[in-house]
Protein backbone atom coordinates (compact mmCIF):
# COMPACT_ATOMS: atom_id res chain seq x y z
CA UNK A 1 32.08 -34.97 -43.62
CA UNK A 2 29.16 -33.29 -45.08
CA UNK A 3 26.99 -34.64 -42.48
CA UNK A 4 29.10 -33.17 -39.82
CA UNK A 5 28.57 -29.59 -41.44
CA UNK A 6 25.03 -29.47 -41.63
CA UNK A 7 24.28 -31.18 -38.02
CA UNK A 8 26.15 -28.54 -36.97
CA UNK A 9 24.61 -25.73 -38.81
CA UNK A 10 21.07 -27.58 -37.33
CA UNK A 11 22.12 -27.28 -33.58
CA UNK A 12 23.19 -24.17 -34.40
CA UNK A 13 19.30 -22.88 -35.70
CA UNK A 14 18.11 -24.67 -33.09
CA UNK A 15 19.96 -22.63 -30.45
CA UNK A 16 19.40 -19.67 -31.60
CA UNK A 17 16.89 -17.51 -29.81
CA UNK A 18 15.03 -14.63 -31.55
CA UNK A 19 14.78 -11.60 -29.51
CA UNK A 20 12.02 -11.33 -27.28
CA UNK A 21 10.09 -7.67 -26.03
CA UNK A 22 10.13 -9.59 -22.54
CA UNK A 23 13.39 -9.94 -19.66
CA UNK A 24 12.14 -12.01 -16.86
CA UNK A 25 8.92 -11.86 -17.84
CA UNK A 26 8.43 -8.57 -18.02
CA UNK A 27 7.96 -6.30 -21.53
CA UNK A 28 10.72 -3.78 -22.25
CA UNK A 29 10.32 -0.11 -21.80
CA UNK A 30 9.06 1.28 -25.28
CA UNK A 31 11.68 4.32 -26.35
CA UNK A 32 10.98 7.24 -27.67
CA UNK A 33 10.56 7.08 -31.69
CA UNK A 34 8.82 4.74 -31.68
CA UNK A 35 6.13 6.35 -29.24
CA UNK A 36 6.58 9.03 -31.75
CA UNK A 37 5.51 7.35 -34.57
CA UNK A 38 2.78 6.14 -32.81
CA UNK A 39 1.46 9.25 -31.99
CA UNK A 40 1.68 10.52 -35.61
CA UNK A 41 -0.83 8.15 -36.66
CA UNK A 42 -2.70 8.41 -33.97
CA UNK A 43 -2.61 12.27 -34.82
CA UNK A 44 -3.71 11.49 -38.51
CA UNK A 45 -6.88 9.68 -37.53
CA UNK A 46 -7.19 12.26 -34.89
CA UNK A 47 -7.51 14.85 -38.25
CA UNK A 48 -9.68 12.43 -39.83
CA UNK A 49 -12.06 12.45 -37.00
CA UNK A 50 -12.28 16.19 -36.52
CA UNK A 51 -12.21 17.14 -40.18
CA UNK A 52 -15.22 14.54 -40.47
CA UNK A 53 -16.93 16.50 -37.29
CA UNK A 54 -16.25 19.74 -38.67
CA UNK A 55 -18.19 19.45 -41.86
CA UNK A 56 -20.93 17.99 -39.86
CA UNK A 57 -20.90 21.01 -38.08
CA UNK A 58 -19.89 23.66 -41.02
CA UNK A 59 -23.24 21.60 -42.66
CA UNK A 60 -25.27 22.12 -39.71
CA UNK A 61 -23.82 25.82 -39.00
CA UNK A 62 -25.37 26.74 -42.78
CA UNK A 63 -28.63 25.00 -42.76
CA UNK A 64 -29.77 26.94 -39.24
CA UNK A 65 -27.77 30.09 -40.92
CA UNK A 66 -30.51 29.40 -43.86
CA UNK A 67 -30.66 32.23 -47.06
CA UNK A 68 -28.49 34.50 -44.64
CA UNK A 69 -25.20 31.93 -45.29
CA UNK A 70 -21.53 33.15 -43.49
CA UNK A 71 -23.31 36.37 -43.32
CA UNK A 72 -24.95 35.55 -39.74
CA UNK A 73 -21.67 33.25 -38.26
CA UNK A 74 -19.11 34.73 -36.17
CA UNK A 75 -16.03 33.12 -37.39
CA UNK A 76 -14.59 34.09 -33.54
CA UNK A 77 -17.04 31.21 -32.44
CA UNK A 78 -16.15 28.83 -34.76
CA UNK A 79 -12.73 28.97 -34.32
CA UNK A 80 -13.54 28.85 -31.00
CA UNK A 81 -15.85 25.60 -31.27
CA UNK A 82 -13.56 23.81 -33.39
CA UNK A 83 -10.65 23.83 -30.73
CA UNK A 84 -12.64 22.79 -28.19
CA UNK A 85 -14.43 19.66 -30.54
CA UNK A 86 -10.64 19.12 -31.14
CA UNK A 87 -9.97 18.66 -26.82
CA UNK A 88 -12.54 16.49 -26.89
CA UNK A 89 -11.86 14.76 -29.51
CA UNK A 90 -8.47 13.87 -28.80
CA UNK A 91 -9.33 13.82 -25.01
CA UNK A 92 -12.05 10.91 -25.74
CA UNK A 93 -9.69 9.13 -28.26
CA UNK A 94 -6.60 8.61 -25.90
CA UNK A 95 -9.21 8.15 -22.89
CA UNK A 96 -11.08 5.29 -24.94
CA UNK A 97 -8.84 3.45 -26.27
CA UNK A 98 -6.52 3.05 -23.54
CA UNK A 99 -9.29 2.11 -20.89
CA UNK A 100 -10.85 -0.72 -23.19
CA UNK A 101 -6.84 -1.81 -25.48
CA UNK A 102 -4.70 0.03 -23.86
CA UNK A 103 -3.28 0.93 -26.79
CA UNK A 104 -4.38 3.59 -29.96
CA UNK A 105 -4.84 2.32 -33.38
CA UNK A 106 -1.07 3.96 -33.58
CA UNK A 107 0.40 2.21 -30.89
CA UNK A 108 -0.99 -1.08 -32.17
CA UNK A 109 0.32 -0.07 -35.01
CA UNK A 110 4.42 -0.29 -33.67
CA UNK A 111 3.12 -2.96 -31.35
CA UNK A 112 3.50 -1.06 -27.78
CA UNK A 113 0.73 -0.89 -24.77
CA UNK A 114 -0.05 1.59 -22.25
CA UNK A 115 -0.45 -0.11 -19.00
CA UNK A 116 -0.53 0.50 -15.41
CA UNK A 117 2.25 -0.21 -12.39
CA UNK A 118 0.76 -3.60 -12.09
CA UNK A 119 0.66 -4.37 -15.89
CA UNK A 120 -2.88 -4.22 -16.15
CA UNK A 121 -4.92 -2.09 -18.54
CA UNK A 122 -5.25 2.16 -17.34
CA UNK A 123 -8.25 2.50 -15.31
CA UNK A 124 -11.27 4.92 -16.48
CA UNK A 125 -9.88 8.01 -14.30
CA UNK A 126 -6.18 6.90 -14.96
CA UNK A 127 -6.68 6.96 -18.91
CA UNK A 128 -8.64 10.07 -18.50
CA UNK A 129 -5.94 11.59 -16.64
CA UNK A 130 -2.72 10.11 -19.33
CA UNK A 131 -4.38 11.55 -21.58
CA UNK A 132 -5.23 15.31 -20.11
CA UNK A 133 -1.10 14.77 -18.97
CA UNK A 134 -0.80 15.04 -22.70
CA UNK A 135 -1.24 18.24 -22.71
CA UNK A 136 1.05 19.23 -19.39
CA UNK A 137 3.78 17.01 -21.26
CA UNK A 138 3.58 19.24 -24.88
CA UNK A 139 3.99 22.36 -22.86
CA UNK A 140 7.14 24.62 -22.44
CA UNK A 141 8.37 22.68 -25.87
CA UNK A 142 7.70 19.21 -25.26
CA UNK A 143 10.15 18.69 -22.31
CA UNK A 144 7.70 16.47 -20.63
CA UNK A 145 8.09 13.96 -23.43
CA UNK A 146 12.04 14.35 -23.32
CA UNK A 147 11.93 12.18 -19.78
CA UNK A 148 11.66 8.74 -22.02
CA UNK A 149 15.46 9.20 -22.40
CA UNK A 150 16.05 9.60 -18.83
CA UNK A 151 15.40 6.77 -16.18
CA UNK A 152 14.85 2.84 -16.98
CA UNK A 153 11.43 3.03 -18.07
CA UNK A 154 11.63 5.41 -20.30
CA UNK A 155 8.74 7.03 -18.26
CA UNK A 156 7.08 10.55 -19.97
CA UNK A 157 5.65 13.33 -17.84
CA UNK A 158 1.64 12.25 -18.03
CA UNK A 159 3.18 8.59 -17.61
CA UNK A 160 4.98 9.61 -14.03
CA UNK A 161 2.02 11.75 -13.03
CA UNK A 162 -0.72 9.12 -13.48
CA UNK A 163 1.01 5.60 -12.83
CA UNK A 164 0.95 4.27 -16.16
CA UNK A 165 4.00 3.01 -18.84
CA UNK A 166 4.31 2.04 -22.54
CA UNK A 167 5.72 -1.20 -23.28
CA UNK A 168 6.52 -2.98 -26.11
CA UNK A 169 4.17 -5.58 -26.38
CA UNK A 170 4.40 -9.25 -26.55
């Protein structure tokens, strides 16, 4: 009797299939929460990069200013330069990672990937315009990101504009 139960349990475990990220050979779309957590990780990394570049830039400004120090530096110029540098750091960060591997470090951590409509890595122009589209999605209180709650493919506005989607990585 003991062997029957143990054999039955073995058969049950062998027939059990672990949940897959694929349905009919295609990966499932990544949801809003997973994408938001990945965005937080990427934001932290971008913040570190930004601080590094700002430190290097301020060091260069102070050394160029010489003995006069901060008296000759207009802070409105510094803030304009810092906003522009943050914009280009974000643009370069997302464009580079989405083009080369379809994943930023935040997306790698949460096992999600950005693909084009043919399920390949986005082309450089696609990745660039998707990165610009993030700003459009963020405008008007982030309504472009909320589109992920609607539709079967869970695409945000920047995904719809650029022909990309975010899937669970296999």
